[in-house]
Structure formats: structure tokens, C-alpha cells
């Protein structure tokens, strides 16, 4: 009687038993990186939104303190805001327009990859100049008030004016640093779209924040 010899079963080493449907290991995603499949935002975008949230909370707290202090104070001084602040408002609004123009030109440049024509950084430099003019206007306003005898410790209303405007100017300087970084990366052809978008978002937020502060100061001071 012949004896039948059965071959040993083949074991699929890539199969992971015990998970019901039988999952697979060592198989990369079909499309790109797994993080992209999950829709995770780039780090620059996440970081800028966290920063904007923190800045918003800071100025919300300062606004609340101003309103409460004004209501509880009998020595609150109302004064006329320096006219240069209104010109500053126009400058920072125009800087957002120039930055959006720069974004469109840079996007077109990166899409065509025409490196022989040079990077379109002219509008970035114009935005940078507008930001410097804005800070210079703020500085002139502070010096003007100080020359009139309205210093930081003159009255609580002046204290709030200086605290709010100086805090905003410092954040604008941070935005100027971001613009310088974008210009540098554009010149070395290492600029990422996420970096440009994050920088422009922060700059537009600074403009919107200033318009809010100007309205607040005009109403309360």
C-alpha cells in the first residue's frame, strides 16, 4: 500500500495572525507618506496657529484689564491719539496687499521653475519696508507723547497706550524677521510653500490686530 507524503504548509512570514482580518506589515502606504494620508498640517502651519492663539489670548487679557480699570478709576485721562497712528494703519493695510502680490508672483515663479529669470522678491522687499515704516511711525508717536509730558507713568490711560502699542510693535518685529527669512530662503531656492503661507498669515493677523487696537484706543482713550 503506497504511502502519501504531504508537503509541509507554507508559512507567509508577512502575515500577522491574530487580528481577525489579517493585517499586513512592512508594506508602505500606496500614496506618499502616512502623515499625508492622515491629512496632518505642516509644522509651520500648526506653529503659526498656536502662536496666533497665544497672542490673541494675551491681547484679550489686556483689553479686559483696560476696560475694568477704566470703569473702576476716577482719574482716567482721555487724550487725542497722535495722527501718525492713522497713517500707520494705512501703511500696514497696504503692506498686506503687497505681501499678497508677492505670494501670487512667487507661486507663479515656483510653478514655472524659471530660475534663470531670478526670484520675484521685489514685493517682499516693499512689504518689509512698509513694516519698518510702521514701526518707525509707532516710535514717532511714542516720542511725540513723551515730548508733551505724557509718559508711561503719567496716568494709567497712558500706561495702557504704551503697553498695548509696544507689545504689538514687538510682535510686528517678529513678523519682519519672518519676512527676512522668507526672502533669504527664496534667494537660495529653499523656500517652502508652507513657510510662505505661515509668514503671510502671521503678517495679515498683525494688520488685523492693529486695526482692532486702534479702534479700542480711540474708543477708550
Protein backbone atom coordinates (compact mmCIF):
# COMPACT_ATOMS: atom_id res chain seq x y z
CA UNK A 1 0.00 0.00 0.00
CA UNK A 2 1.51 3.31 -1.11
CA UNK A 3 2.21 5.96 1.45
CA UNK A 4 1.18 9.52 0.61
CA UNK A 5 3.67 12.17 1.71
CA UNK A 6 2.16 15.62 2.27
CA UNK A 7 4.27 18.74 1.82
CA UNK A 8 4.51 20.95 4.92
CA UNK A 9 2.29 24.04 4.72
CA UNK A 10 3.99 27.21 3.56
CA UNK A 11 4.07 29.98 6.11
CA UNK A 12 3.61 33.55 4.88
CA UNK A 13 6.08 35.47 7.06
CA UNK A 14 4.48 38.82 6.16
CA UNK A 15 1.12 37.73 7.52
CA UNK A 16 0.39 38.79 11.09
CA UNK A 17 -2.05 36.37 12.69
CA UNK A 18 -4.48 37.04 15.44
CA UNK A 19 -6.14 40.26 14.24
CA UNK A 20 -9.20 38.76 12.64
CA UNK A 21 -8.95 40.22 9.15
CA UNK A 22 -5.22 39.60 8.92
CA UNK A 23 -3.28 42.85 8.79
CA UNK A 24 -0.04 43.34 6.88
CA UNK A 25 3.34 44.65 7.94
CA UNK A 26 6.29 46.13 6.09
CA UNK A 27 4.00 47.34 3.34
CA UNK A 28 4.32 51.09 2.72
CA UNK A 29 1.26 53.22 2.04
CA UNK A 30 0.19 53.29 -1.57
CA UNK A 31 0.33 57.08 -1.78
CA UNK A 32 3.19 59.01 -0.18
CA UNK A 33 3.86 59.37 3.49
CA UNK A 34 1.46 58.07 6.12
CA UNK A 35 1.22 61.51 7.72
CA UNK A 36 -0.03 62.95 4.47
CA UNK A 37 -2.64 60.23 4.23
CA UNK A 38 -3.89 61.29 7.64
CA UNK A 39 -4.09 64.92 6.49
CA UNK A 40 -1.71 66.32 9.10
CA UNK A 41 -0.92 70.02 8.53
CA UNK A 42 2.73 71.07 8.01
CA UNK A 43 4.62 72.08 11.19
CA UNK A 44 4.85 75.72 10.06
CA UNK A 45 1.08 75.97 9.77
CA UNK A 46 0.47 74.33 13.14
CA UNK A 47 3.06 76.51 14.87
CA UNK A 48 1.70 79.76 13.48
CA UNK A 49 -1.86 78.95 14.58
CA UNK A 50 -0.62 78.16 18.08
CA UNK A 51 1.24 81.47 18.12
CA UNK A 52 -1.79 83.40 16.89
CA UNK A 53 -3.95 81.80 19.57
CA UNK A 54 -1.46 82.77 22.28
CA UNK A 55 -1.21 86.36 21.02
CA UNK A 56 -4.99 86.63 20.83
CA UNK A 57 -5.34 85.48 24.43
CA UNK A 58 -2.68 87.97 25.57
CA UNK A 59 -4.35 90.97 23.95
CA UNK A 60 -7.78 89.80 25.09
CA UNK A 61 -6.50 89.84 28.66
CA UNK A 62 -5.03 93.33 28.19
CA UNK A 63 -8.31 94.53 26.71
CA UNK A 64 -10.24 93.16 29.66
CA UNK A 65 -7.83 94.81 32.10
CA UNK A 66 -8.19 98.16 30.29
CA UNK A 67 -11.99 98.07 30.38
CA UNK A 68 -12.13 97.04 34.04
CA UNK A 69 -9.51 99.61 35.07
CA UNK A 70 -11.27 102.42 33.23
CA UNK A 71 -14.59 101.61 34.88
CA UNK A 72 -13.07 101.49 38.36
CA UNK A 73 -10.87 104.57 38.02
CA UNK A 74 -11.83 108.15 38.78
CA UNK A 75 -8.59 109.64 37.42
CA UNK A 76 -8.76 108.23 33.89
CA UNK A 77 -7.43 110.75 31.36
CA UNK A 78 -8.83 110.87 27.85
CA UNK A 79 -6.45 112.18 25.19
CA UNK A 80 -6.25 112.53 21.44
CA UNK A 81 -4.29 109.84 19.66
CA UNK A 82 -1.29 111.03 17.64
CA UNK A 83 -2.35 111.47 13.97
CA UNK A 84 0.61 109.39 12.81
CA UNK A 85 -1.23 106.29 14.06
CA UNK A 86 -3.86 106.68 11.34
CA UNK A 87 -1.17 106.87 8.68
CA UNK A 88 0.38 103.78 10.26
CA UNK A 89 -2.93 101.99 9.81
CA UNK A 90 -2.91 102.75 6.10
CA UNK A 91 0.69 101.55 5.81
CA UNK A 92 0.06 98.20 7.44
CA UNK A 93 -3.05 97.60 5.33
CA UNK A 94 -1.08 98.35 2.17
CA UNK A 95 1.67 96.00 3.36
CA UNK A 96 -0.84 93.15 3.39
CA UNK A 97 -1.73 94.00 -0.22
CA UNK A 98 1.92 93.98 -1.28
CA UNK A 99 2.50 90.68 0.52
CA UNK A 100 -0.40 89.04 -1.29
CA UNK A 101 1.02 90.35 -4.57
CA UNK A 102 4.35 88.79 -3.63
CA UNK A 103 2.66 85.47 -2.85
CA UNK A 104 0.98 85.32 -6.25
CA UNK A 105 4.20 86.12 -8.08
CA UNK A 106 6.21 83.62 -6.04
CA UNK A 107 3.60 80.89 -6.63
CA UNK A 108 3.76 81.50 -10.36
CA UNK A 109 7.56 81.54 -10.24
CA UNK A 110 7.75 78.26 -8.32
CA UNK A 111 5.24 76.63 -10.69
CA UNK A 112 7.20 77.52 -13.82
CA UNK A 113 10.64 76.99 -12.21
CA UNK A 114 12.18 79.71 -14.36
CA UNK A 115 15.30 80.07 -12.28
CA UNK A 116 17.13 81.99 -14.99
CA UNK A 117 14.81 84.99 -14.52
CA UNK A 118 15.62 85.33 -10.83
CA UNK A 119 13.33 85.10 -7.80
CA UNK A 120 10.45 87.66 -7.65
CA UNK A 121 11.38 89.19 -4.30
CA UNK A 122 10.65 92.85 -5.12
CA UNK A 123 7.22 92.88 -3.46
CA UNK A 124 8.65 91.15 -0.39
CA UNK A 125 11.15 93.97 -0.01
CA UNK A 126 8.33 96.51 -0.38
CA UNK A 127 6.39 94.71 2.37
CA UNK A 128 9.48 94.69 4.55
CA UNK A 129 9.95 98.42 4.01
CA UNK A 130 6.29 99.08 4.87
CA UNK A 131 6.70 97.13 8.10
CA UNK A 132 9.75 99.18 9.04
CA UNK A 133 7.84 102.39 8.31
CA UNK A 134 5.02 101.17 10.55
CA UNK A 135 7.40 100.61 13.47
CA UNK A 136 9.02 104.00 12.79
CA UNK A 137 5.58 105.62 12.92
CA UNK A 138 4.87 103.95 16.25
CA UNK A 139 8.17 105.18 17.62
CA UNK A 140 7.41 108.72 16.47
CA UNK A 141 4.03 108.56 18.25
CA UNK A 142 5.69 107.49 21.50
CA UNK A 143 8.26 110.28 21.27
CA UNK A 144 5.56 112.81 20.46
CA UNK A 145 3.52 111.89 23.52
CA UNK A 146 6.61 111.89 25.73
CA UNK A 147 7.56 115.37 24.46
CA UNK A 148 4.11 116.57 25.51
CA UNK A 149 4.69 115.27 29.03
CA UNK A 150 2.58 112.12 28.63
CA UNK A 151 5.00 109.44 29.78
CA UNK A 152 4.41 105.85 30.78
CA UNK A 153 3.78 106.73 34.44
CA UNK A 154 1.85 109.97 33.82
CA UNK A 155 -1.56 108.34 34.03
CA UNK A 156 -2.97 104.84 33.89
CA UNK A 157 -4.55 105.58 30.49
CA UNK A 158 -1.14 106.44 29.02
CA UNK A 159 0.29 103.29 30.58
CA UNK A 160 -2.25 101.16 28.74
CA UNK A 161 -1.50 103.01 25.50
CA UNK A 162 2.21 102.27 25.76
CA UNK A 163 1.74 98.66 26.85
CA UNK A 164 -0.65 97.81 24.01
CA UNK A 165 1.24 99.59 21.25
CA UNK A 166 4.69 98.43 22.35
CA UNK A 167 3.50 94.83 22.66
CA UNK A 168 2.06 94.99 19.16
CA UNK A 169 5.22 96.60 17.74
CA UNK A 170 7.35 93.81 19.22
CA UNK A 171 5.18 91.21 17.51
CA UNK A 172 5.45 93.17 14.26
CA UNK A 173 9.24 92.96 14.58
CA UNK A 174 8.81 89.20 14.81
CA UNK A 175 6.86 89.32 11.56
CA UNK A 176 9.64 91.36 9.95
CA UNK A 177 12.08 88.65 10.98
CA UNK A 178 9.83 86.12 9.27
CA UNK A 179 9.84 88.19 6.08
CA UNK A 180 13.64 88.37 6.13
CA UNK A 181 13.73 84.58 6.49
CA UNK A 182 11.37 84.15 3.53
CA UNK A 183 13.50 86.47 1.38
CA UNK A 184 16.63 84.53 2.30
CA UNK A 185 15.08 81.16 1.51
CA UNK A 186 13.66 82.47 -1.75
CA UNK A 187 17.10 83.66 -2.79
CA UNK A 188 18.62 80.23 -2.11
CA UNK A 189 15.71 78.36 -3.75
CA UNK A 190 14.83 76.58 -0.47
CA UNK A 191 11.54 78.33 0.25
CA UNK A 192 8.61 76.04 1.06
CA UNK A 193 5.03 76.97 0.35
CA UNK A 194 4.08 76.25 3.96
CA UNK A 195 6.69 78.72 5.21
CA UNK A 196 5.42 81.45 2.90
CA UNK A 197 1.80 80.82 3.85
CA UNK A 198 2.58 80.81 7.58
CA UNK A 199 4.52 84.07 7.33
CA UNK A 200 1.80 85.81 5.33
CA UNK A 201 -0.89 84.56 7.71
CA UNK A 202 1.00 85.99 10.69
CA UNK A 203 1.52 89.30 8.92
CA UNK A 204 -2.15 89.66 8.00
CA UNK A 205 -3.04 88.86 11.59
CA UNK A 206 -0.75 91.65 12.80
CA UNK A 207 -2.56 94.07 10.49
CA UNK A 208 -5.99 92.99 11.71
CA UNK A 209 -4.83 93.15 15.33
CA UNK A 210 -3.58 96.70 14.86
CA UNK A 211 -6.90 97.87 13.40
CA UNK A 212 -8.64 96.36 16.43
CA UNK A 213 -6.22 98.07 18.83
CA UNK A 214 -6.62 101.42 17.09
CA UNK A 215 -10.40 101.20 17.41
CA UNK A 216 -10.09 100.17 21.07
CA UNK A 217 -7.72 103.03 21.88
CA UNK A 218 -9.85 105.55 20.00
CA UNK A 219 -12.97 104.48 21.93
CA UNK A 220 -11.43 104.14 25.39
CA UNK A 221 -8.63 106.71 25.45
